[in-house]
N, C-alpha and C. Protein backbone atom coordinates (compact mmCIF):
# COMPACT_ATOMS: atom_id res chain seq x y z
N GLN A 1 90.94 54.16 80.29
CA GLN A 1 90.64 54.99 81.46
C GLN A 1 91.49 54.55 82.64
N VAL A 2 91.99 55.52 83.36
CA VAL A 2 92.78 55.26 84.56
C VAL A 2 92.20 56.11 85.68
N GLN A 3 91.98 55.50 86.81
CA GLN A 3 91.55 56.24 88.00
C GLN A 3 92.70 56.26 89.00
N LEU A 4 92.94 57.44 89.56
CA LEU A 4 94.09 57.65 90.42
C LEU A 4 93.65 58.16 91.79
N VAL A 5 94.27 57.62 92.83
CA VAL A 5 93.96 58.05 94.20
C VAL A 5 95.26 58.29 94.94
N GLU A 6 95.46 59.55 95.37
CA GLU A 6 96.66 59.90 96.12
C GLU A 6 96.45 59.71 97.62
N SER A 7 97.54 59.49 98.32
CA SER A 7 97.52 59.43 99.77
C SER A 7 98.91 59.78 100.30
N GLY A 8 98.99 60.05 101.60
CA GLY A 8 100.29 60.29 102.22
C GLY A 8 100.61 61.72 102.58
N GLY A 9 99.71 62.63 102.23
CA GLY A 9 99.97 64.02 102.58
C GLY A 9 99.81 64.26 104.08
N GLY A 10 100.18 65.45 104.51
CA GLY A 10 100.04 65.77 105.92
C GLY A 10 100.75 67.05 106.29
N LEU A 11 100.80 67.31 107.60
CA LEU A 11 101.47 68.49 108.14
C LEU A 11 102.79 68.05 108.76
N VAL A 12 103.88 68.64 108.28
CA VAL A 12 105.21 68.29 108.79
C VAL A 12 106.00 69.57 109.03
N GLN A 13 107.13 69.42 109.69
CA GLN A 13 108.02 70.56 109.91
C GLN A 13 109.10 70.60 108.84
N ALA A 14 109.66 71.77 108.65
CA ALA A 14 110.76 71.92 107.69
C ALA A 14 111.87 70.93 108.02
N GLY A 15 112.38 70.28 106.98
CA GLY A 15 113.42 69.29 107.15
C GLY A 15 112.91 67.86 107.26
N ASP A 16 111.63 67.71 107.47
CA ASP A 16 111.04 66.37 107.57
C ASP A 16 110.85 65.75 106.19
N SER A 17 110.38 64.50 106.21
CA SER A 17 110.13 63.75 104.98
C SER A 17 108.69 63.27 104.93
N LEU A 18 108.21 63.08 103.72
CA LEU A 18 106.91 62.47 103.47
C LEU A 18 107.02 61.61 102.23
N ARG A 19 106.20 60.56 102.17
CA ARG A 19 106.11 59.79 100.94
C ARG A 19 104.66 59.78 100.48
N LEU A 20 104.44 60.30 99.29
CA LEU A 20 103.13 60.28 98.68
C LEU A 20 102.99 59.02 97.83
N SER A 21 101.79 58.49 97.82
CA SER A 21 101.48 57.33 97.00
C SER A 21 100.34 57.67 96.06
N CYS A 22 100.34 57.03 94.90
CA CYS A 22 99.28 57.21 93.92
C CYS A 22 98.88 55.83 93.41
N ALA A 23 97.72 55.37 93.84
CA ALA A 23 97.23 54.06 93.44
C ALA A 23 96.38 54.20 92.19
N ALA A 24 96.66 53.36 91.20
CA ALA A 24 95.97 53.44 89.92
C ALA A 24 95.12 52.19 89.68
N SER A 25 93.99 52.40 89.03
CA SER A 25 93.15 51.29 88.64
C SER A 25 93.58 50.81 87.27
N GLY A 26 93.07 49.66 86.87
CA GLY A 26 93.32 49.19 85.52
C GLY A 26 94.50 48.25 85.42
N ARG A 27 94.57 47.53 84.30
CA ARG A 27 95.60 46.53 84.10
C ARG A 27 96.72 46.99 83.17
N THR A 28 96.69 48.27 82.77
CA THR A 28 97.70 48.76 81.84
C THR A 28 98.56 49.85 82.47
N PHE A 29 98.74 49.78 83.76
CA PHE A 29 99.46 50.83 84.49
C PHE A 29 100.84 51.07 83.90
N SER A 30 101.55 50.01 83.55
CA SER A 30 102.93 50.16 83.08
C SER A 30 103.03 50.85 81.73
N SER A 31 101.92 51.00 81.03
CA SER A 31 101.94 51.68 79.74
C SER A 31 101.84 53.19 79.88
N TYR A 32 101.61 53.68 81.09
CA TYR A 32 101.46 55.11 81.33
C TYR A 32 102.70 55.69 82.02
N ALA A 33 103.09 56.87 81.57
CA ALA A 33 104.00 57.67 82.36
C ALA A 33 103.21 58.28 83.51
N MET A 34 103.86 58.43 84.64
CA MET A 34 103.20 59.01 85.82
C MET A 34 103.90 60.30 86.21
N GLY A 35 103.10 61.28 86.54
CA GLY A 35 103.65 62.56 86.95
C GLY A 35 103.08 63.02 88.28
N TRP A 36 103.86 63.84 88.96
CA TRP A 36 103.38 64.53 90.16
C TRP A 36 103.43 66.03 89.88
N PHE A 37 102.36 66.70 90.26
CA PHE A 37 102.23 68.14 90.10
C PHE A 37 101.80 68.73 91.44
N ARG A 38 101.94 70.03 91.59
CA ARG A 38 101.49 70.65 92.83
C ARG A 38 100.92 72.02 92.55
N GLN A 39 100.02 72.44 93.43
CA GLN A 39 99.40 73.75 93.29
C GLN A 39 99.33 74.41 94.65
N ALA A 40 100.04 75.51 94.79
CA ALA A 40 100.01 76.29 96.01
C ALA A 40 98.90 77.33 95.91
N PRO A 41 98.40 77.83 97.04
CA PRO A 41 97.32 78.83 97.01
C PRO A 41 97.70 80.04 96.18
N GLY A 42 96.82 80.41 95.27
CA GLY A 42 97.04 81.57 94.44
C GLY A 42 98.02 81.38 93.30
N LYS A 43 98.49 80.16 93.12
CA LYS A 43 99.47 79.89 92.06
C LYS A 43 98.93 78.84 91.09
N GLU A 44 99.54 78.81 89.91
CA GLU A 44 99.14 77.80 88.95
C GLU A 44 99.74 76.44 89.32
N ARG A 45 99.08 75.41 88.83
CA ARG A 45 99.59 74.06 89.05
C ARG A 45 100.91 73.91 88.28
N GLU A 46 101.90 73.30 88.94
CA GLU A 46 103.21 73.15 88.31
C GLU A 46 103.70 71.71 88.35
N PHE A 47 104.52 71.39 87.36
CA PHE A 47 105.15 70.09 87.29
C PHE A 47 106.17 69.93 88.42
N VAL A 48 106.21 68.71 88.99
CA VAL A 48 107.20 68.41 90.03
C VAL A 48 108.14 67.29 89.59
N ALA A 49 107.56 66.18 89.13
CA ALA A 49 108.39 65.03 88.74
C ALA A 49 107.58 64.10 87.85
N ALA A 50 108.28 63.32 87.04
CA ALA A 50 107.61 62.34 86.19
C ALA A 50 108.51 61.13 86.01
N VAL A 51 107.88 59.99 85.78
CA VAL A 51 108.61 58.74 85.57
C VAL A 51 107.97 57.98 84.41
N GLY A 52 108.81 57.38 83.58
CA GLY A 52 108.31 56.61 82.47
C GLY A 52 107.73 55.28 82.92
N GLY A 53 107.13 54.58 81.96
CA GLY A 53 106.43 53.35 82.27
C GLY A 53 107.28 52.27 82.91
N SER A 54 108.53 52.19 82.51
CA SER A 54 109.43 51.17 83.06
C SER A 54 110.06 51.60 84.38
N GLY A 55 110.01 52.88 84.67
CA GLY A 55 110.62 53.41 85.88
C GLY A 55 112.05 53.86 85.71
N ARG A 56 112.63 53.65 84.53
CA ARG A 56 114.04 53.97 84.33
C ARG A 56 114.28 55.46 84.10
N ASN A 57 113.37 56.10 83.42
CA ASN A 57 113.57 57.51 83.06
C ASN A 57 112.73 58.42 83.93
N THR A 58 113.34 59.50 84.38
CA THR A 58 112.66 60.44 85.26
C THR A 58 113.01 61.88 84.90
N TYR A 59 112.10 62.79 85.22
CA TYR A 59 112.31 64.23 85.10
C TYR A 59 111.95 64.85 86.44
N TYR A 60 112.62 65.98 86.76
CA TYR A 60 112.33 66.69 88.01
C TYR A 60 112.33 68.20 87.80
N LEU A 61 111.51 68.87 88.57
CA LEU A 61 111.59 70.32 88.69
C LEU A 61 112.94 70.64 89.35
N ASP A 62 113.60 71.68 88.86
CA ASP A 62 114.95 71.98 89.38
C ASP A 62 114.97 72.15 90.89
N SER A 63 113.95 72.79 91.43
CA SER A 63 113.98 73.11 92.86
C SER A 63 113.78 71.90 93.77
N VAL A 64 113.42 70.75 93.19
CA VAL A 64 113.24 69.55 94.02
C VAL A 64 114.31 68.50 93.75
N LYS A 65 115.17 68.74 92.76
CA LYS A 65 116.23 67.79 92.45
C LYS A 65 117.12 67.58 93.68
N GLY A 66 117.42 66.31 93.97
CA GLY A 66 118.24 65.99 95.12
C GLY A 66 117.45 65.85 96.41
N ARG A 67 116.19 66.30 96.40
CA ARG A 67 115.33 66.18 97.61
C ARG A 67 114.17 65.22 97.39
N PHE A 68 113.59 65.25 96.19
CA PHE A 68 112.44 64.40 95.87
C PHE A 68 112.88 63.27 94.95
N THR A 69 112.23 62.11 95.11
CA THR A 69 112.48 60.98 94.23
C THR A 69 111.15 60.38 93.81
N ILE A 70 110.96 60.26 92.51
CA ILE A 70 109.76 59.63 91.98
C ILE A 70 110.10 58.19 91.63
N SER A 71 109.15 57.30 91.88
CA SER A 71 109.35 55.89 91.56
C SER A 71 107.99 55.25 91.31
N ARG A 72 108.03 54.00 90.88
CA ARG A 72 106.78 53.29 90.65
C ARG A 72 106.99 51.81 90.88
N ASP A 73 105.92 51.14 91.25
CA ASP A 73 105.91 49.69 91.39
C ASP A 73 104.77 49.19 90.51
N ASN A 74 105.12 48.71 89.34
CA ASN A 74 104.09 48.31 88.38
C ASN A 74 103.32 47.09 88.85
N ALA A 75 103.92 46.27 89.69
CA ALA A 75 103.21 45.11 90.22
C ALA A 75 102.09 45.53 91.17
N LYS A 76 102.26 46.71 91.78
CA LYS A 76 101.26 47.21 92.72
C LYS A 76 100.42 48.33 92.13
N ASN A 77 100.65 48.66 90.85
CA ASN A 77 99.90 49.75 90.21
C ASN A 77 99.99 51.04 91.03
N THR A 78 101.17 51.34 91.51
CA THR A 78 101.34 52.48 92.40
C THR A 78 102.59 53.28 92.04
N ALA A 79 102.44 54.58 92.07
CA ALA A 79 103.56 55.50 91.91
C ALA A 79 103.80 56.21 93.24
N TYR A 80 105.04 56.64 93.43
CA TYR A 80 105.41 57.25 94.71
C TYR A 80 106.17 58.55 94.48
N LEU A 81 106.09 59.42 95.46
CA LEU A 81 106.95 60.60 95.49
C LEU A 81 107.54 60.69 96.88
N GLN A 82 108.81 60.35 97.00
CA GLN A 82 109.51 60.48 98.27
C GLN A 82 110.04 61.90 98.37
N MET A 83 109.64 62.61 99.42
CA MET A 83 110.01 64.01 99.58
C MET A 83 110.83 64.14 100.86
N ASN A 84 112.08 64.51 100.70
CA ASN A 84 112.97 64.71 101.85
C ASN A 84 113.34 66.18 101.97
N SER A 85 113.86 66.54 103.13
CA SER A 85 114.30 67.92 103.38
C SER A 85 113.24 68.93 102.95
N LEU A 86 112.03 68.70 103.38
CA LEU A 86 110.92 69.55 102.96
C LEU A 86 111.10 70.98 103.45
N LYS A 87 110.63 71.90 102.63
CA LYS A 87 110.71 73.33 102.91
C LYS A 87 109.31 73.93 102.93
N PRO A 88 109.13 75.04 103.62
CA PRO A 88 107.80 75.68 103.63
C PRO A 88 107.28 75.97 102.22
N GLU A 89 108.17 76.28 101.29
CA GLU A 89 107.73 76.57 99.93
C GLU A 89 107.28 75.33 99.17
N ASP A 90 107.42 74.15 99.76
CA ASP A 90 106.86 72.94 99.16
C ASP A 90 105.39 72.76 99.51
N THR A 91 104.86 73.61 100.36
CA THR A 91 103.46 73.53 100.76
C THR A 91 102.55 73.71 99.55
N ALA A 92 101.66 72.73 99.33
CA ALA A 92 100.77 72.75 98.17
C ALA A 92 99.86 71.53 98.23
N VAL A 93 98.88 71.52 97.35
CA VAL A 93 98.14 70.30 97.07
C VAL A 93 98.91 69.56 95.99
N TYR A 94 99.21 68.31 96.24
CA TYR A 94 99.98 67.49 95.29
C TYR A 94 99.03 66.54 94.57
N TYR A 95 99.18 66.53 93.24
CA TYR A 95 98.35 65.70 92.39
C TYR A 95 99.21 64.70 91.63
N CYS A 96 98.71 63.49 91.49
CA CYS A 96 99.37 62.58 90.54
C CYS A 96 98.53 62.55 89.27
N ALA A 97 99.19 62.22 88.17
CA ALA A 97 98.55 62.22 86.87
C ALA A 97 99.20 61.15 85.99
N ALA A 98 98.45 60.70 84.99
CA ALA A 98 98.94 59.69 84.06
C ALA A 98 98.84 60.20 82.64
N ALA A 99 99.85 59.84 81.85
CA ALA A 99 99.90 60.27 80.46
C ALA A 99 100.42 59.13 79.59
N GLY A 100 100.15 59.26 78.29
CA GLY A 100 100.60 58.23 77.36
C GLY A 100 102.06 58.29 77.01
N LEU A 101 102.73 59.38 77.41
CA LEU A 101 104.16 59.50 77.14
C LEU A 101 104.80 60.25 78.29
N LEU A 102 106.11 60.09 78.43
CA LEU A 102 106.83 60.77 79.50
C LEU A 102 107.05 62.23 79.10
N THR A 103 106.48 63.13 79.89
CA THR A 103 106.53 64.54 79.55
C THR A 103 106.38 65.37 80.82
N THR A 104 106.86 66.62 80.73
CA THR A 104 106.66 67.57 81.82
C THR A 104 105.47 68.50 81.54
N ASN A 105 104.88 68.35 80.37
CA ASN A 105 103.80 69.23 79.91
C ASN A 105 102.48 68.84 80.56
N ILE A 106 102.00 69.71 81.42
CA ILE A 106 100.77 69.41 82.17
C ILE A 106 99.59 69.15 81.24
N ARG A 107 99.57 69.78 80.07
CA ARG A 107 98.45 69.64 79.14
C ARG A 107 98.36 68.24 78.53
N LEU A 108 99.42 67.47 78.64
CA LEU A 108 99.42 66.14 78.03
C LEU A 108 99.05 65.03 79.01
N TYR A 109 98.61 65.41 80.22
CA TYR A 109 98.18 64.44 81.21
C TYR A 109 96.66 64.45 81.28
N PRO A 110 95.99 63.44 80.72
CA PRO A 110 94.52 63.43 80.72
C PRO A 110 93.89 62.87 82.01
N TYR A 111 94.65 62.13 82.79
CA TYR A 111 94.08 61.47 83.97
C TYR A 111 94.71 62.04 85.23
N TRP A 112 93.83 62.40 86.20
CA TRP A 112 94.27 63.08 87.41
C TRP A 112 93.63 62.49 88.65
N GLY A 113 94.38 62.52 89.74
CA GLY A 113 93.82 62.20 91.03
C GLY A 113 93.17 63.42 91.66
N GLN A 114 92.66 63.26 92.87
CA GLN A 114 91.92 64.33 93.54
C GLN A 114 92.83 65.26 94.33
N GLY A 115 94.07 64.84 94.55
CA GLY A 115 95.03 65.67 95.26
C GLY A 115 95.14 65.33 96.73
N THR A 116 96.31 65.62 97.29
CA THR A 116 96.55 65.44 98.72
C THR A 116 97.34 66.63 99.24
N GLN A 117 96.94 67.16 100.38
CA GLN A 117 97.55 68.37 100.91
C GLN A 117 98.86 68.06 101.63
N VAL A 118 99.87 68.83 101.30
CA VAL A 118 101.15 68.78 102.01
C VAL A 118 101.40 70.17 102.58
N THR A 119 101.57 70.24 103.88
CA THR A 119 101.85 71.51 104.55
C THR A 119 103.15 71.38 105.33
N VAL A 120 104.07 72.29 105.06
CA VAL A 120 105.37 72.28 105.72
C VAL A 120 105.49 73.54 106.56
N SER A 121 105.60 73.37 107.85
CA SER A 121 105.72 74.53 108.74
C SER A 121 107.19 74.85 108.98
N SER A 122 107.45 76.12 109.21
CA SER A 122 108.85 76.56 109.42
C SER A 122 109.25 76.50 110.88
């Protein structure tokens, strides 16, 4: 079992940056791939980024490549999503999730945080 708690969301202007954090419980954090997903009002939850257990391998949604960076600090049991050059279309609730393998498939992530709101004004 892994418990996840996100933080770092907020209201920013277009072009600004935010860093989301996801703190995980448990002593096996490095054995999990970590993913970030987002859900905008009226839309389905979508994959944003994922990182493998070692931190070496990553996947990104095409629309965030070059702007967002996913990382993790296994010593701190924490995953991060650095978001730069934010756009109004990035507005959503952002969720972190943990899975047994590195994947973009939302169905393969059994552990989820409660979400943190990111709002980008134009």
